[in-house]
Amino acid sequence: MEERLDLPQGTLDLLILKALALGSMHGWAISERLQQISHEALQVQQGSLYPALHRLERRGWIGAKWAASENNRRAKYYKLTPRGQKQLEAEITAWRKLAAAVGLVLDMTAGESNAY
């Protein structure tokens, strides 16, 4: 089994938005989907997930409604809003720029670091 990773601050919101871009889900299913897609490397605890969901809902990036789950229990289903879709696109762009910049620094050779 792969080692589990700690998420950098702010990353959970991006991951939740991306998961919901795939379709409406209840909280537990979001956590399971992230764990599954990451090959078990990401395990989102309820203590982090639900405050993040409430924060995203307050910002208008996701909407929620109560419905019956697969096992016929009452669950709150979350869905990406149009504002959330725009935010997701902005966050993906920012994340990719950051990852590329960090990659440049990590790939720097010893000769480049002694340039002056």
Protein backbone atom coordinates (compact mmCIF):
# COMPACT_ATOMS: atom_id res chain seq x y z
CA MET A 1 0.00 0.00 0.00
CA GLU A 2 1.23 3.49 -0.86
CA GLU A 3 2.14 5.97 1.87
CA ARG A 4 -0.67 8.40 2.65
CA LEU A 5 0.02 12.05 1.90
CA ASP A 6 -0.74 15.17 3.93
CA LEU A 7 -2.59 17.78 1.89
CA PRO A 8 -1.06 21.26 1.62
CA GLN A 9 -3.35 23.97 2.99
CA GLY A 10 -6.13 24.89 0.56
CA THR A 11 -5.80 21.73 -1.51
CA LEU A 12 -8.85 20.01 -0.02
CA ASP A 13 -11.22 22.63 -1.47
CA LEU A 14 -9.77 22.06 -4.94
CA LEU A 15 -10.10 18.29 -4.62
CA ILE A 16 -13.70 18.51 -3.41
CA LEU A 17 -14.64 20.84 -6.27
CA LYS A 18 -12.99 18.48 -8.76
CA ALA A 19 -14.77 15.44 -7.31
CA LEU A 20 -18.12 17.24 -7.55
CA ALA A 21 -17.38 18.23 -11.16
CA LEU A 22 -17.85 14.50 -11.83
CA GLY A 23 -21.38 14.59 -10.39
CA SER A 24 -23.46 15.10 -7.28
CA MET A 25 -22.29 13.13 -4.21
CA HIS A 26 -22.79 12.94 -0.47
CA GLY A 27 -19.86 13.63 1.83
CA TRP A 28 -18.80 10.06 2.48
CA ALA A 29 -18.84 9.32 -1.27
CA ILE A 30 -16.61 12.36 -1.93
CA SER A 31 -14.08 11.08 0.57
CA GLU A 32 -14.24 7.56 -0.93
CA ARG A 33 -13.87 8.89 -4.49
CA LEU A 34 -10.76 10.93 -3.58
CA GLN A 35 -9.24 7.94 -1.85
CA GLN A 36 -10.03 5.67 -4.80
CA ILE A 37 -8.76 8.05 -7.52
CA SER A 38 -5.55 8.72 -5.56
CA HIS A 39 -4.89 4.97 -5.23
CA GLU A 40 -5.41 5.24 -1.45
CA ALA A 41 -2.79 8.00 -1.05
CA LEU A 42 -5.38 10.60 0.02
CA GLN A 43 -7.61 9.83 2.96
CA VAL A 44 -9.83 12.75 3.91
CA GLN A 45 -11.01 12.64 7.51
CA GLN A 46 -14.60 13.68 8.35
CA GLY A 47 -13.21 16.32 10.69
CA SER A 48 -11.65 18.05 7.67
CA LEU A 49 -14.20 17.15 4.99
CA TYR A 50 -17.42 18.48 6.50
CA PRO A 51 -16.06 21.88 7.56
CA ALA A 52 -14.66 22.24 4.01
CA LEU A 53 -18.04 21.30 2.49
CA HIS A 54 -19.82 23.86 4.69
CA ARG A 55 -17.24 26.53 3.76
CA LEU A 56 -17.67 25.83 0.03
CA GLU A 57 -21.45 25.93 0.43
CA ARG A 58 -21.27 29.32 2.22
CA ARG A 59 -19.12 30.67 -0.62
CA GLY A 60 -21.74 29.55 -3.15
CA TRP A 61 -19.35 27.18 -4.91
CA ILE A 62 -21.44 24.11 -4.10
CA GLY A 63 -25.12 23.57 -3.40
CA ALA A 64 -26.67 20.89 -1.23
CA LYS A 65 -29.94 19.04 -0.81
CA TRP A 66 -31.12 16.15 1.31
CA ALA A 67 -32.01 12.86 -0.39
CA ALA A 68 -31.92 9.11 0.22
CA SER A 69 -28.52 7.47 -0.23
CA GLU A 70 -27.78 4.13 -1.93
CA ASN A 71 -28.49 2.33 1.34
CA ASN A 72 -31.75 4.29 1.81
CA ARG A 73 -30.39 6.59 4.52
CA ARG A 74 -30.92 10.33 4.55
CA ALA A 75 -27.81 12.08 3.20
CA LYS A 76 -26.87 15.57 2.12
CA TYR A 77 -25.87 15.57 -1.54
CA TYR A 78 -23.51 18.26 -2.80
CA LYS A 79 -23.37 19.63 -6.33
CA LEU A 80 -21.00 22.04 -8.06
CA THR A 81 -22.62 25.41 -8.87
CA PRO A 82 -21.73 27.57 -11.89
CA ARG A 83 -19.69 29.80 -9.53
CA GLY A 84 -17.99 26.67 -8.24
CA GLN A 85 -17.13 25.57 -11.78
CA LYS A 86 -15.46 28.94 -12.43
CA GLN A 87 -13.59 28.68 -9.13
CA LEU A 88 -12.49 25.13 -9.96
CA GLU A 89 -11.08 26.28 -13.30
CA ALA A 90 -9.22 29.16 -11.61
CA GLU A 91 -7.83 26.89 -8.90
CA ILE A 92 -6.70 24.26 -11.41
CA THR A 93 -4.84 26.95 -13.38
CA ALA A 94 -3.21 28.32 -10.21
CA TRP A 95 -2.30 24.82 -8.98
CA ARG A 96 -0.68 23.90 -12.30
CA LYS A 97 1.36 27.14 -12.34
CA LEU A 98 2.51 26.53 -8.77
CA ALA A 99 3.38 22.88 -9.49
CA ALA A 100 5.36 23.91 -12.58
CA ALA A 101 7.29 26.57 -10.64
CA VAL A 102 8.07 24.15 -7.79
CA GLY A 103 9.11 21.57 -10.38
CA LEU A 104 11.57 24.05 -11.89
CA VAL A 105 13.16 24.65 -8.50
CA LEU A 106 13.32 20.93 -7.68
CA ASP A 107 14.88 20.14 -11.06
CA MET A 108 17.51 22.85 -10.71
CA THR A 109 21.02 21.47 -11.09
CA ALA A 110 24.00 22.38 -8.92
CA GLY A 111 25.50 24.46 -11.76
CA GLU A 112 22.34 26.57 -11.98
CA SER A 113 22.28 27.26 -8.25
CA ASN A 114 25.84 28.64 -8.29
CA ALA A 115 25.19 31.06 -11.15
CA TYR A 116 26.43 34.10 -9.24
